[in-house]
Amino acid sequence: MVIKYLASAFVLGVIVAIPPGSVTVIACQRAVQYGFRNSLIFTVGSSLTDIFYICLVYYGLTGFISDPGNKLMLWSVCGVLLVLVGISTVASAGKTADPGETGAGMLQSRPWVTFVSGIAVTLTNPMTIIGWIAIAGNFFIIWKDRVPGSGFFVVTSIAVIMAGVLAWFVPLIYAASKLNGIMGGKFRRILVIVAGACLVVFGAISLVSAFKLA
């Protein structure tokens, strides 16, 4: 039973990670523009926030998302953040993680900026919260009375779920990073600009959602 549960938890992580969204776009953009390591740092920051939300779902502490004021705040912050990241991404198109570069490209390529971006984008993204509540919430309800409830087992469950998330993201960003070596600079710039534009669109959608809640 425990093995079946852990296997299901791993699959859960993969399922949550597969749908494309702002986190996927940024992770792939960073992989193409700055390389696998930079994108992996972003993914680690994002994963820490995922762990936070999984804990909230597991312990039934997600009621705050139903509050209209909290929804408005999340949609607004997420919208502004994605628009700013999108504009910064477009501005840095064509730049790489060259130590001699300056400006938007240099700032975005710094590890601490990358790590904080992973946390901030995921933490403020309502779709991330909704995804974990909808999928992980039902998963935990189904298995609640069929597996041990010890703290060690909770930690193990979260680790297995995150292993599933990373099992999707790590190969994805690695593949994206390899594109940098096989495509020309012009095509790379276009790809990065498209990624930035997608983030601006995601941000605009969040702001429209916030406006509707206001």
Protein backbone atom coordinates (compact mmCIF):
# COMPACT_ATOMS: atom_id res chain seq x y z
CA MET A 1 0.00 0.00 0.00
CA VAL A 2 2.79 2.41 0.92
CA ILE A 3 4.68 1.71 -2.32
CA LYS A 4 1.49 2.32 -4.30
CA TYR A 5 0.96 5.59 -2.43
CA LEU A 6 4.50 6.82 -3.07
CA ALA A 7 4.27 5.87 -6.75
CA SER A 8 1.00 7.83 -6.97
CA ALA A 9 2.66 10.79 -5.22
CA PHE A 10 5.46 10.77 -7.81
CA VAL A 11 2.93 10.72 -10.67
CA LEU A 12 1.06 13.56 -8.95
CA GLY A 13 4.19 15.71 -9.06
CA VAL A 14 4.65 15.04 -12.78
CA ILE A 15 0.97 15.82 -13.53
CA VAL A 16 1.12 19.14 -11.67
CA ALA A 17 4.35 20.12 -13.47
CA ILE A 18 3.28 19.30 -17.04
CA PRO A 19 0.70 22.06 -17.78
CA PRO A 20 2.63 25.04 -19.26
CA GLY A 21 2.41 28.34 -17.46
CA SER A 22 4.50 31.35 -16.46
CA VAL A 23 6.95 29.26 -14.40
CA THR A 24 7.59 26.92 -17.33
CA VAL A 25 8.08 29.85 -19.72
CA ILE A 26 10.58 31.58 -17.44
CA ALA A 27 12.48 28.36 -16.69
CA CYS A 28 12.84 27.58 -20.40
CA GLN A 29 13.71 31.19 -21.27
CA ARG A 30 16.49 31.18 -18.70
CA ALA A 31 17.76 27.82 -19.96
CA VAL A 32 17.96 29.12 -23.52
CA GLN A 33 19.39 32.51 -22.60
CA TYR A 34 21.65 31.82 -19.61
CA GLY A 35 22.11 28.06 -19.56
CA PHE A 36 21.01 25.01 -17.61
CA ARG A 37 22.57 26.04 -14.28
CA ASN A 38 20.76 29.38 -14.16
CA SER A 39 17.44 27.76 -15.00
CA LEU A 40 18.03 25.06 -12.39
CA ILE A 41 18.56 27.72 -9.71
CA PHE A 42 15.25 29.30 -10.74
CA THR A 43 13.58 25.88 -10.55
CA VAL A 44 14.97 25.27 -7.05
CA GLY A 45 13.47 28.57 -5.87
CA SER A 46 10.17 27.69 -7.48
CA SER A 47 10.26 24.21 -5.91
CA LEU A 48 10.70 25.65 -2.41
CA THR A 49 7.47 27.58 -2.89
CA ASP A 50 5.76 24.46 -4.20
CA ILE A 51 6.78 22.67 -0.99
CA PHE A 52 5.25 25.51 1.03
CA TYR A 53 1.94 25.19 -0.82
CA ILE A 54 1.94 21.39 -0.59
CA CYS A 55 2.27 21.74 3.20
CA LEU A 56 -0.65 24.17 3.26
CA VAL A 57 -2.77 21.74 1.23
CA TYR A 58 -1.76 18.74 3.35
CA TYR A 59 -2.67 20.45 6.61
CA GLY A 60 -5.84 22.02 5.21
CA LEU A 61 -4.63 25.61 5.56
CA THR A 62 -5.62 26.93 2.14
CA GLY A 63 -8.80 28.73 3.22
CA PHE A 64 -7.11 32.11 2.70
CA ILE A 65 -7.39 31.72 -1.08
CA SER A 66 -11.19 31.93 -0.84
CA ASP A 67 -11.01 35.41 0.70
CA PRO A 68 -11.76 38.03 -2.00
CA GLY A 69 -9.17 40.44 -0.59
CA ASN A 70 -6.42 37.84 -0.71
CA LYS A 71 -7.41 36.83 -4.23
CA LEU A 72 -7.23 40.46 -5.34
CA MET A 73 -3.79 40.87 -3.77
CA LEU A 74 -2.41 37.67 -5.36
CA TRP A 75 -3.75 38.41 -8.85
CA SER A 76 -2.47 42.02 -8.66
CA VAL A 77 1.03 41.17 -7.40
CA CYS A 78 1.34 38.27 -9.82
CA GLY A 79 0.21 40.44 -12.74
CA VAL A 80 2.64 43.27 -12.00
CA LEU A 81 5.50 40.84 -11.38
CA LEU A 82 4.95 38.91 -14.62
CA VAL A 83 4.66 42.09 -16.68
CA LEU A 84 7.92 43.42 -15.20
CA VAL A 85 9.71 40.10 -15.74
CA GLY A 86 8.34 39.94 -19.28
CA ILE A 87 9.54 43.45 -20.11
CA SER A 88 12.93 42.72 -18.54
CA THR A 89 13.17 39.52 -20.57
CA VAL A 90 12.44 41.32 -23.83
CA ALA A 91 14.98 44.03 -22.92
CA SER A 92 17.65 41.40 -22.29
CA ALA A 93 16.99 39.45 -25.51
CA GLY A 94 20.23 38.44 -27.15
CA LYS A 95 22.21 38.72 -23.93
CA THR A 96 23.96 35.74 -22.32
CA ALA A 97 25.55 35.13 -18.95
CA ASP A 98 28.77 36.84 -20.08
CA PRO A 99 30.66 38.20 -17.03
CA GLY A 100 31.43 41.37 -18.94
CA GLU A 101 27.87 42.30 -19.79
CA THR A 102 25.86 44.98 -18.04
CA GLY A 103 22.23 46.00 -17.70
CA ALA A 104 19.14 43.79 -17.77
CA GLY A 105 20.97 40.69 -18.98
CA MET A 106 23.58 40.88 -16.20
CA LEU A 107 20.94 41.41 -13.51
CA GLN A 108 18.76 38.53 -14.68
CA SER A 109 21.71 36.14 -14.89
CA ARG A 110 22.82 36.65 -11.28
CA PRO A 111 22.13 33.53 -9.15
CA TRP A 112 20.47 35.39 -6.26
CA VAL A 113 18.13 37.24 -8.64
CA THR A 114 17.33 33.97 -10.37
CA PHE A 115 16.64 32.18 -7.08
CA VAL A 116 14.43 34.97 -5.68
CA SER A 117 12.58 35.18 -9.01
CA GLY A 118 11.74 31.48 -8.76
CA ILE A 119 10.29 32.00 -5.29
CA ALA A 120 8.44 35.23 -6.09
CA VAL A 121 6.85 34.13 -9.37
CA THR A 122 5.59 30.86 -7.90
CA LEU A 123 4.57 32.33 -4.53
CA THR A 124 2.33 35.00 -6.07
CA ASN A 125 0.87 32.87 -8.87
CA PRO A 126 -2.76 32.02 -8.01
CA MET A 127 -2.79 29.29 -10.66
CA THR A 128 -0.04 27.47 -8.77
CA ILE A 129 -2.13 27.56 -5.60
CA ILE A 130 -5.29 26.48 -7.39
CA GLY A 131 -3.42 23.63 -9.08
CA TRP A 132 -2.08 22.26 -5.82
CA ILE A 133 -5.45 22.63 -4.09
CA ALA A 134 -7.36 20.92 -6.91
CA ILE A 135 -4.96 18.04 -7.60
CA ALA A 136 -2.94 17.53 -4.42
CA GLY A 137 -5.95 18.28 -2.21
CA ASN A 138 -7.99 15.47 -3.72
CA PHE A 139 -4.96 13.17 -3.60
CA PHE A 140 -4.43 13.69 0.12
CA ILE A 141 -8.15 13.28 0.86
CA ILE A 142 -8.22 9.94 -0.96
CA TRP A 143 -5.15 8.58 0.82
CA LYS A 144 -5.55 10.25 4.22
CA ASP A 145 -6.85 7.21 6.13
CA ARG A 146 -4.85 4.61 4.22
CA VAL A 147 -1.24 5.61 4.97
CA PRO A 148 0.78 6.54 8.09
CA GLY A 149 0.37 10.08 9.38
CA SER A 150 3.79 10.48 11.01
CA GLY A 151 5.92 13.54 10.42
CA PHE A 152 8.59 11.44 8.71
CA PHE A 153 6.05 10.03 6.27
CA VAL A 154 4.71 13.53 5.52
CA VAL A 155 8.26 14.68 4.68
CA THR A 156 8.77 11.57 2.55
CA SER A 157 5.50 12.21 0.70
CA ILE A 158 6.45 15.81 -0.09
CA ALA A 159 9.93 14.73 -1.21
CA VAL A 160 8.45 12.14 -3.59
CA ILE A 161 5.95 14.65 -5.02
CA MET A 162 8.76 17.14 -5.64
CA ALA A 163 10.83 14.38 -7.22
CA GLY A 164 7.98 14.00 -9.70
CA VAL A 165 7.94 17.75 -10.37
CA LEU A 166 11.70 17.81 -10.96
CA ALA A 167 11.54 14.65 -13.08
CA TRP A 168 9.59 16.75 -15.58
CA PHE A 169 11.31 20.11 -15.19
CA VAL A 170 14.98 19.10 -15.12
CA PRO A 171 14.96 17.22 -18.47
CA LEU A 172 12.82 20.01 -19.95
CA ILE A 173 15.19 22.83 -19.03
CA TYR A 174 18.21 20.71 -19.95
CA ALA A 175 16.76 20.17 -23.42
CA ALA A 176 16.00 23.91 -23.67
CA SER A 177 19.56 24.79 -22.67
CA LYS A 178 20.91 22.63 -25.50
CA LEU A 179 18.97 24.73 -28.01
CA ASN A 180 21.41 27.55 -27.33
CA GLY A 181 24.19 25.61 -28.98
CA ILE A 182 22.30 24.59 -32.12
CA MET A 183 20.40 27.73 -33.06
CA GLY A 184 21.65 31.05 -34.32
CA GLY A 185 21.74 34.24 -32.29
CA LYS A 186 18.89 35.80 -34.25
CA PHE A 187 16.55 32.86 -33.64
CA ARG A 188 17.52 32.82 -29.95
CA ARG A 189 16.65 36.51 -29.63
CA ILE A 190 13.28 35.91 -31.28
CA LEU A 191 12.60 32.99 -28.93
CA VAL A 192 13.47 35.05 -25.86
CA ILE A 193 11.31 37.96 -27.06
CA VAL A 194 8.38 35.58 -27.61
CA ALA A 195 8.89 34.20 -24.09
CA GLY A 196 8.91 37.73 -22.68
CA ALA A 197 5.78 38.62 -24.61
CA CYS A 198 4.04 35.50 -23.24
CA LEU A 199 4.91 36.59 -19.70
CA VAL A 200 3.47 40.04 -20.36
CA VAL A 201 0.27 38.38 -21.62
CA PHE A 202 0.12 36.14 -18.53
CA GLY A 203 0.61 39.24 -16.38
CA ALA A 204 -2.10 41.14 -18.22
CA ILE A 205 -4.52 38.25 -17.70
CA SER A 206 -3.74 38.32 -13.97
CA LEU A 207 -4.33 42.07 -13.82
CA VAL A 208 -7.64 41.71 -15.66
CA SER A 209 -8.65 39.02 -13.17
CA ALA A 210 -7.71 41.38 -10.32
CA PHE A 211 -9.73 44.19 -11.93
CA LYS A 212 -12.79 41.92 -12.10
CA LEU A 213 -12.43 41.12 -8.39
CA ALA A 214 -12.03 44.77 -7.39
